[in-house]
N, C-alpha and C. Protein backbone atom coordinates (compact mmCIF):
# COMPACT_ATOMS: atom_id res chain seq x y z
N MET A 1 37.37 -96.41 14.00
CA MET A 1 37.40 -95.37 13.01
C MET A 1 38.81 -95.29 12.44
N LYS A 2 38.87 -95.21 11.13
CA LYS A 2 40.16 -95.15 10.45
C LYS A 2 40.75 -93.75 10.58
N PRO A 3 42.09 -93.63 10.49
CA PRO A 3 42.74 -92.31 10.59
C PRO A 3 42.22 -91.32 9.55
N ARG A 4 41.93 -91.78 8.37
CA ARG A 4 41.44 -90.88 7.33
C ARG A 4 40.06 -90.32 7.71
N GLN A 5 39.20 -91.15 8.25
CA GLN A 5 37.87 -90.70 8.67
C GLN A 5 37.98 -89.72 9.84
N ARG A 6 38.92 -89.99 10.75
CA ARG A 6 39.12 -89.11 11.91
C ARG A 6 39.58 -87.72 11.43
N ARG A 7 40.52 -87.70 10.48
CA ARG A 7 40.99 -86.41 9.93
C ARG A 7 39.85 -85.66 9.27
N LEU A 8 39.04 -86.34 8.49
CA LEU A 8 37.91 -85.72 7.82
C LEU A 8 36.93 -85.15 8.85
N LEU A 9 36.71 -85.87 9.92
CA LEU A 9 35.83 -85.40 10.97
C LEU A 9 36.38 -84.13 11.62
N TRP A 10 37.70 -84.07 11.88
CA TRP A 10 38.32 -82.88 12.47
C TRP A 10 38.26 -81.69 11.51
N VAL A 11 38.47 -81.94 10.23
CA VAL A 11 38.38 -80.87 9.23
C VAL A 11 36.96 -80.32 9.17
N LEU A 12 35.98 -81.19 9.16
CA LEU A 12 34.58 -80.75 9.13
C LEU A 12 34.22 -79.98 10.40
N ALA A 13 34.67 -80.43 11.54
CA ALA A 13 34.41 -79.73 12.80
C ALA A 13 35.06 -78.34 12.77
N GLY A 14 36.27 -78.27 12.23
CA GLY A 14 36.96 -76.98 12.12
C GLY A 14 36.21 -76.03 11.20
N LEU A 15 35.72 -76.54 10.08
CA LEU A 15 34.96 -75.71 9.15
C LEU A 15 33.67 -75.20 9.79
N VAL A 16 33.00 -76.04 10.55
CA VAL A 16 31.78 -75.62 11.23
C VAL A 16 32.09 -74.52 12.25
N LEU A 17 33.19 -74.66 12.99
CA LEU A 17 33.58 -73.64 13.96
C LEU A 17 33.92 -72.32 13.28
N VAL A 18 34.66 -72.37 12.19
CA VAL A 18 35.02 -71.15 11.46
C VAL A 18 33.76 -70.48 10.90
N ALA A 19 32.86 -71.26 10.34
CA ALA A 19 31.61 -70.70 9.78
C ALA A 19 30.78 -70.06 10.88
N THR A 20 30.72 -70.69 12.03
CA THR A 20 29.98 -70.13 13.16
C THR A 20 30.61 -68.82 13.63
N ALA A 21 31.92 -68.79 13.74
CA ALA A 21 32.61 -67.58 14.18
C ALA A 21 32.39 -66.44 13.19
N VAL A 22 32.50 -66.72 11.90
CA VAL A 22 32.29 -65.69 10.87
C VAL A 22 30.86 -65.17 10.93
N THR A 23 29.90 -66.05 11.10
CA THR A 23 28.50 -65.65 11.19
C THR A 23 28.27 -64.74 12.39
N LEU A 24 28.82 -65.10 13.54
CA LEU A 24 28.65 -64.28 14.74
C LEU A 24 29.30 -62.91 14.58
N VAL A 25 30.48 -62.86 13.99
CA VAL A 25 31.16 -61.58 13.79
C VAL A 25 30.37 -60.69 12.83
N LEU A 26 29.89 -61.24 11.74
CA LEU A 26 29.13 -60.46 10.76
C LEU A 26 27.82 -59.94 11.35
N ARG A 27 27.16 -60.74 12.16
CA ARG A 27 25.91 -60.29 12.79
C ARG A 27 26.18 -59.18 13.79
N ALA A 28 27.28 -59.29 14.55
CA ALA A 28 27.63 -58.25 15.51
C ALA A 28 27.97 -56.95 14.79
N LEU A 29 28.73 -57.03 13.71
CA LEU A 29 29.07 -55.83 12.95
C LEU A 29 27.84 -55.20 12.33
N ASN A 30 26.97 -56.01 11.79
CA ASN A 30 25.77 -55.50 11.14
C ASN A 30 24.86 -54.78 12.13
N SER A 31 24.77 -55.27 13.36
CA SER A 31 23.90 -54.62 14.34
C SER A 31 24.51 -53.34 14.89
N ASN A 32 25.82 -53.14 14.74
CA ASN A 32 26.48 -51.94 15.24
C ASN A 32 26.75 -50.90 14.16
N VAL A 33 26.43 -51.19 12.92
CA VAL A 33 26.68 -50.25 11.83
C VAL A 33 25.61 -49.17 11.87
N MET A 34 26.04 -47.91 11.76
CA MET A 34 25.11 -46.79 11.68
C MET A 34 25.31 -46.11 10.34
N PHE A 35 24.28 -46.05 9.55
CA PHE A 35 24.39 -45.43 8.25
C PHE A 35 24.18 -43.93 8.34
N PHE A 36 24.73 -43.19 7.39
CA PHE A 36 24.66 -41.73 7.35
C PHE A 36 23.63 -41.30 6.32
N TYR A 37 22.77 -40.35 6.70
CA TYR A 37 21.77 -39.83 5.79
C TYR A 37 21.75 -38.30 5.87
N SER A 38 21.34 -37.66 4.79
CA SER A 38 21.18 -36.21 4.76
C SER A 38 19.71 -35.88 5.03
N PRO A 39 19.40 -34.62 5.36
CA PRO A 39 17.99 -34.24 5.55
C PRO A 39 17.12 -34.51 4.32
N SER A 40 17.67 -34.35 3.13
CA SER A 40 16.90 -34.64 1.91
C SER A 40 16.51 -36.11 1.84
N GLN A 41 17.43 -37.00 2.23
CA GLN A 41 17.12 -38.42 2.23
C GLN A 41 16.10 -38.77 3.30
N VAL A 42 16.16 -38.08 4.45
CA VAL A 42 15.18 -38.31 5.51
C VAL A 42 13.80 -37.89 5.04
N GLN A 43 13.69 -36.72 4.43
CA GLN A 43 12.40 -36.23 3.96
C GLN A 43 11.86 -37.09 2.81
N ALA A 44 12.75 -37.70 2.03
CA ALA A 44 12.32 -38.57 0.93
C ALA A 44 11.87 -39.94 1.43
N GLY A 45 12.10 -40.24 2.70
CA GLY A 45 11.67 -41.53 3.26
C GLY A 45 12.65 -42.65 3.01
N SER A 46 13.92 -42.35 2.71
CA SER A 46 14.89 -43.41 2.45
C SER A 46 15.60 -43.92 3.69
N VAL A 47 15.13 -43.56 4.87
CA VAL A 47 15.81 -43.97 6.10
C VAL A 47 15.10 -45.15 6.73
N PRO A 48 15.82 -45.97 7.47
CA PRO A 48 15.19 -47.12 8.13
C PRO A 48 14.33 -46.65 9.31
N HIS A 49 13.10 -47.09 9.37
CA HIS A 49 12.22 -46.72 10.47
C HIS A 49 12.51 -47.61 11.68
N GLY A 50 12.70 -46.98 12.82
CA GLY A 50 12.96 -47.72 14.06
C GLY A 50 14.41 -48.08 14.28
N ALA A 51 15.27 -47.83 13.31
CA ALA A 51 16.69 -48.15 13.45
C ALA A 51 17.48 -46.87 13.66
N ALA A 52 18.59 -46.99 14.38
CA ALA A 52 19.46 -45.84 14.62
C ALA A 52 20.26 -45.54 13.36
N PHE A 53 20.46 -44.25 13.10
CA PHE A 53 21.30 -43.83 11.99
C PHE A 53 21.88 -42.46 12.30
N ARG A 54 22.76 -41.99 11.44
CA ARG A 54 23.38 -40.68 11.61
C ARG A 54 22.79 -39.72 10.60
N LEU A 55 22.52 -38.52 11.08
CA LEU A 55 21.98 -37.44 10.26
C LEU A 55 23.02 -36.34 10.24
N GLY A 56 23.36 -35.87 9.05
CA GLY A 56 24.40 -34.84 8.96
C GLY A 56 23.99 -33.69 8.09
N GLY A 57 24.51 -32.54 8.41
CA GLY A 57 24.25 -31.33 7.64
C GLY A 57 24.73 -30.12 8.41
N LEU A 58 24.05 -29.00 8.21
CA LEU A 58 24.38 -27.75 8.90
C LEU A 58 23.30 -27.43 9.92
N VAL A 59 23.70 -26.84 11.03
CA VAL A 59 22.73 -26.37 12.02
C VAL A 59 22.15 -25.06 11.47
N GLU A 60 20.86 -25.02 11.29
CA GLU A 60 20.21 -23.86 10.71
C GLU A 60 20.33 -22.65 11.64
N GLN A 61 20.66 -21.50 11.05
CA GLN A 61 20.80 -20.24 11.80
C GLN A 61 19.48 -19.91 12.51
N GLY A 62 19.56 -19.57 13.80
CA GLY A 62 18.39 -19.15 14.56
C GLY A 62 17.48 -20.27 15.01
N SER A 63 17.89 -21.53 14.85
CA SER A 63 17.00 -22.64 15.18
C SER A 63 17.25 -23.23 16.57
N LEU A 64 18.33 -22.88 17.23
CA LEU A 64 18.68 -23.47 18.52
C LEU A 64 17.79 -22.92 19.63
N GLN A 65 17.09 -23.82 20.31
CA GLN A 65 16.24 -23.46 21.45
C GLN A 65 16.62 -24.34 22.63
N ARG A 66 16.75 -23.71 23.80
CA ARG A 66 17.10 -24.44 25.02
C ARG A 66 15.94 -24.37 25.99
N SER A 67 15.71 -25.47 26.72
CA SER A 67 14.71 -25.48 27.78
C SER A 67 15.15 -26.48 28.84
N ASP A 68 14.37 -26.58 29.91
CA ASP A 68 14.68 -27.50 31.01
C ASP A 68 16.07 -27.23 31.57
N GLY A 69 16.35 -25.96 31.87
CA GLY A 69 17.64 -25.59 32.44
C GLY A 69 18.79 -25.70 31.45
N GLY A 70 18.50 -25.65 30.17
CA GLY A 70 19.54 -25.72 29.15
C GLY A 70 19.93 -27.13 28.75
N MET A 71 19.32 -28.14 29.35
CA MET A 71 19.69 -29.51 29.03
C MET A 71 18.88 -30.11 27.88
N LEU A 72 17.69 -29.58 27.62
CA LEU A 72 16.88 -30.05 26.49
C LEU A 72 17.06 -29.06 25.35
N LEU A 73 17.58 -29.54 24.25
CA LEU A 73 17.91 -28.68 23.12
C LEU A 73 17.11 -29.10 21.89
N GLN A 74 16.68 -28.11 21.15
CA GLN A 74 16.01 -28.35 19.89
C GLN A 74 16.67 -27.47 18.85
N PHE A 75 16.98 -28.04 17.70
CA PHE A 75 17.56 -27.29 16.60
C PHE A 75 17.19 -27.99 15.31
N VAL A 76 17.51 -27.36 14.21
CA VAL A 76 17.17 -27.90 12.90
C VAL A 76 18.46 -28.19 12.13
N VAL A 77 18.54 -29.38 11.55
CA VAL A 77 19.67 -29.76 10.69
C VAL A 77 19.17 -29.65 9.25
N THR A 78 19.96 -28.98 8.42
CA THR A 78 19.55 -28.76 7.03
C THR A 78 20.70 -29.08 6.09
N ASP A 79 20.36 -29.43 4.87
CA ASP A 79 21.36 -29.57 3.81
C ASP A 79 21.16 -28.46 2.79
N GLU A 80 20.49 -27.41 3.21
CA GLU A 80 20.16 -26.23 2.41
C GLU A 80 19.07 -26.50 1.39
N VAL A 81 18.47 -27.69 1.43
CA VAL A 81 17.32 -28.01 0.60
C VAL A 81 16.16 -28.46 1.49
N GLN A 82 16.42 -29.38 2.39
CA GLN A 82 15.42 -29.89 3.32
C GLN A 82 15.87 -29.63 4.75
N ARG A 83 14.91 -29.74 5.68
CA ARG A 83 15.18 -29.48 7.10
C ARG A 83 14.63 -30.63 7.94
N VAL A 84 15.34 -30.96 9.02
CA VAL A 84 14.87 -31.98 9.96
C VAL A 84 15.03 -31.43 11.37
N PRO A 85 13.92 -31.34 12.13
CA PRO A 85 14.04 -30.88 13.52
C PRO A 85 14.69 -31.97 14.38
N VAL A 86 15.58 -31.55 15.26
CA VAL A 86 16.32 -32.48 16.12
C VAL A 86 16.09 -32.09 17.57
N GLN A 87 15.89 -33.09 18.41
CA GLN A 87 15.78 -32.88 19.85
C GLN A 87 16.89 -33.68 20.51
N TYR A 88 17.57 -33.05 21.48
CA TYR A 88 18.70 -33.68 22.15
C TYR A 88 18.71 -33.27 23.61
N ARG A 89 18.93 -34.22 24.49
CA ARG A 89 19.05 -33.93 25.91
C ARG A 89 20.48 -34.25 26.33
N GLY A 90 21.19 -33.20 26.78
CA GLY A 90 22.56 -33.40 27.22
C GLY A 90 23.41 -32.18 26.93
N LEU A 91 24.70 -32.37 27.05
CA LEU A 91 25.64 -31.29 26.81
C LEU A 91 26.11 -31.33 25.36
N LEU A 92 26.21 -30.15 24.77
CA LEU A 92 26.69 -30.04 23.39
C LEU A 92 28.20 -29.91 23.37
N PRO A 93 28.84 -30.34 22.30
CA PRO A 93 30.28 -30.12 22.16
C PRO A 93 30.59 -28.63 22.14
N ASP A 94 31.76 -28.26 22.57
CA ASP A 94 32.15 -26.85 22.62
C ASP A 94 32.11 -26.19 21.25
N LEU A 95 32.37 -26.93 20.20
CA LEU A 95 32.42 -26.36 18.85
C LEU A 95 31.07 -26.31 18.15
N PHE A 96 30.01 -26.72 18.83
CA PHE A 96 28.67 -26.69 18.24
C PHE A 96 28.23 -25.24 18.05
N ARG A 97 27.88 -24.86 16.83
CA ARG A 97 27.44 -23.50 16.52
C ARG A 97 26.38 -23.56 15.43
N GLU A 98 25.51 -22.57 15.42
CA GLU A 98 24.55 -22.44 14.33
C GLU A 98 25.31 -22.08 13.06
N GLY A 99 24.90 -22.65 11.95
CA GLY A 99 25.55 -22.39 10.68
C GLY A 99 26.75 -23.27 10.42
N LYS A 100 27.12 -24.13 11.35
CA LYS A 100 28.28 -25.01 11.20
C LYS A 100 27.83 -26.46 10.99
N GLY A 101 28.75 -27.30 10.53
CA GLY A 101 28.46 -28.69 10.27
C GLY A 101 28.27 -29.48 11.55
N VAL A 102 27.37 -30.46 11.47
CA VAL A 102 27.07 -31.31 12.62
C VAL A 102 26.64 -32.69 12.11
N VAL A 103 26.95 -33.71 12.91
CA VAL A 103 26.46 -35.06 12.67
C VAL A 103 25.82 -35.53 13.97
N VAL A 104 24.56 -35.95 13.91
CA VAL A 104 23.85 -36.42 15.10
C VAL A 104 23.46 -37.88 14.91
N SER A 105 23.57 -38.65 15.97
CA SER A 105 23.18 -40.06 15.95
C SER A 105 21.89 -40.22 16.74
N GLY A 106 21.00 -41.06 16.25
CA GLY A 106 19.75 -41.30 16.96
C GLY A 106 18.73 -41.97 16.06
N LYS A 107 17.44 -41.72 16.37
CA LYS A 107 16.35 -42.37 15.65
C LYS A 107 15.31 -41.34 15.21
N LEU A 108 14.67 -41.64 14.10
CA LEU A 108 13.59 -40.82 13.59
C LEU A 108 12.33 -41.13 14.40
N GLN A 109 11.62 -40.09 14.82
CA GLN A 109 10.39 -40.25 15.59
C GLN A 109 9.19 -40.31 14.64
N PRO A 110 8.06 -40.84 15.11
CA PRO A 110 6.87 -40.92 14.24
C PRO A 110 6.39 -39.56 13.72
N ASP A 111 6.66 -38.47 14.47
CA ASP A 111 6.22 -37.15 14.04
C ASP A 111 7.16 -36.52 13.01
N GLY A 112 8.21 -37.22 12.60
CA GLY A 112 9.15 -36.71 11.60
C GLY A 112 10.36 -36.03 12.20
N GLY A 113 10.37 -35.83 13.52
CA GLY A 113 11.53 -35.26 14.20
C GLY A 113 12.58 -36.32 14.45
N PHE A 114 13.74 -35.87 14.85
CA PHE A 114 14.87 -36.78 15.08
C PHE A 114 15.25 -36.69 16.55
N GLN A 115 15.25 -37.80 17.26
CA GLN A 115 15.67 -37.85 18.66
C GLN A 115 17.13 -38.27 18.69
N ALA A 116 18.01 -37.30 19.00
CA ALA A 116 19.45 -37.55 18.98
C ALA A 116 19.93 -38.12 20.31
N THR A 117 20.87 -39.03 20.24
CA THR A 117 21.53 -39.57 21.43
C THR A 117 22.98 -39.09 21.51
N GLU A 118 23.51 -38.57 20.40
CA GLU A 118 24.88 -38.07 20.35
C GLU A 118 24.97 -36.95 19.33
N VAL A 119 25.73 -35.91 19.66
CA VAL A 119 25.93 -34.78 18.75
C VAL A 119 27.43 -34.61 18.55
N LEU A 120 27.86 -34.60 17.30
CA LEU A 120 29.27 -34.40 16.95
C LEU A 120 29.38 -33.13 16.12
N ALA A 121 30.29 -32.25 16.50
CA ALA A 121 30.51 -31.00 15.76
C ALA A 121 31.85 -31.08 15.06
N LYS A 122 31.95 -30.37 13.93
CA LYS A 122 33.23 -30.39 13.22
C LYS A 122 34.28 -29.69 14.06
N HIS A 123 35.54 -30.11 13.91
CA HIS A 123 36.58 -29.63 14.82
C HIS A 123 37.37 -28.43 14.33
N ASP A 124 37.26 -28.03 13.09
CA ASP A 124 37.88 -26.78 12.64
C ASP A 124 37.19 -26.30 11.37
N GLU A 125 37.63 -25.20 10.86
CA GLU A 125 36.97 -24.58 9.72
C GLU A 125 37.14 -25.35 8.42
N ASN A 126 38.16 -26.20 8.32
CA ASN A 126 38.45 -26.87 7.05
C ASN A 126 37.91 -28.29 6.97
N TYR A 127 37.33 -28.80 8.06
CA TYR A 127 36.94 -30.20 8.07
C TYR A 127 35.43 -30.34 8.07
N MET A 128 34.94 -31.26 7.27
CA MET A 128 33.55 -31.69 7.32
C MET A 128 33.57 -33.17 6.98
N PRO A 129 32.80 -34.00 7.69
CA PRO A 129 32.80 -35.42 7.36
C PRO A 129 32.53 -35.61 5.87
N PRO A 130 33.24 -36.51 5.20
CA PRO A 130 33.07 -36.68 3.75
C PRO A 130 31.63 -36.93 3.34
N GLU A 131 30.88 -37.70 4.16
CA GLU A 131 29.49 -37.97 3.82
C GLU A 131 28.67 -36.70 3.85
N ALA A 132 28.92 -35.83 4.85
CA ALA A 132 28.16 -34.58 4.96
C ALA A 132 28.50 -33.65 3.81
N ALA A 133 29.76 -33.55 3.46
CA ALA A 133 30.17 -32.70 2.34
C ALA A 133 29.53 -33.17 1.04
N HIS A 134 29.52 -34.48 0.83
CA HIS A 134 28.91 -35.05 -0.38
C HIS A 134 27.41 -34.78 -0.41
N ALA A 135 26.73 -34.94 0.74
CA ALA A 135 25.29 -34.71 0.80
C ALA A 135 24.96 -33.25 0.53
N LEU A 136 25.75 -32.33 1.09
CA LEU A 136 25.52 -30.91 0.85
C LEU A 136 25.75 -30.55 -0.62
N LYS A 137 26.78 -31.15 -1.21
CA LYS A 137 27.08 -30.88 -2.61
C LYS A 137 25.94 -31.37 -3.52
N ASN A 138 25.42 -32.57 -3.22
CA ASN A 138 24.31 -33.11 -4.00
C ASN A 138 23.05 -32.27 -3.83
N ALA A 139 22.78 -31.80 -2.61
CA ALA A 139 21.60 -30.99 -2.34
C ALA A 139 21.68 -29.66 -3.06
N GLU A 140 22.85 -29.05 -3.10
CA GLU A 140 23.02 -27.77 -3.80
C GLU A 140 22.76 -27.93 -5.29
N GLY A 141 23.10 -29.10 -5.83
CA GLY A 141 22.89 -29.34 -7.25
C GLY A 141 21.43 -29.39 -7.64
N LYS A 142 20.55 -29.70 -6.67
CA LYS A 142 19.12 -29.78 -6.96
C LYS A 142 18.50 -28.39 -7.02
N GLY A 143 19.15 -27.42 -6.37
CA GLY A 143 18.74 -26.04 -6.49
C GLY A 143 17.51 -25.60 -5.73
N GLU A 144 16.80 -26.49 -5.07
CA GLU A 144 15.60 -26.12 -4.32
C GLU A 144 15.96 -25.69 -2.93
N ARG A 145 15.21 -24.79 -2.42
CA ARG A 145 15.38 -24.34 -1.03
C ARG A 145 14.01 -24.43 -0.38
N PRO A 146 13.95 -24.75 0.92
CA PRO A 146 12.65 -24.87 1.60
C PRO A 146 11.95 -23.54 1.72
């Protein structure tokens, strides 16, 4: 084999390795990405069925119910237009309150409820995740209330 052919072979092998590495990284990132949706988008059917995603909005006043020794929680997340019932088993963050912003991670159930695996509460009065603020602003513009 001539030196030129050997160099070409090494370059091609390097390109194949780089392409394989990029493909593996992109697939790993794609499987770990969680998209954010508002209750209005969930009710409209724009969410992936069977895939995990984040649901954000406000915890509806008077919707928090505890059972099973306080470990099984049910509450409603709303964007002031639509509502999504959420079920969560575990401990809530200290800042979790009715009427405050929340982002929950999990999956939509066949009955239309949301099974949460993680609950995140806003950390002070001035902060709301940008996606949640945008979703609430868009929902208010539609003017409908449930």
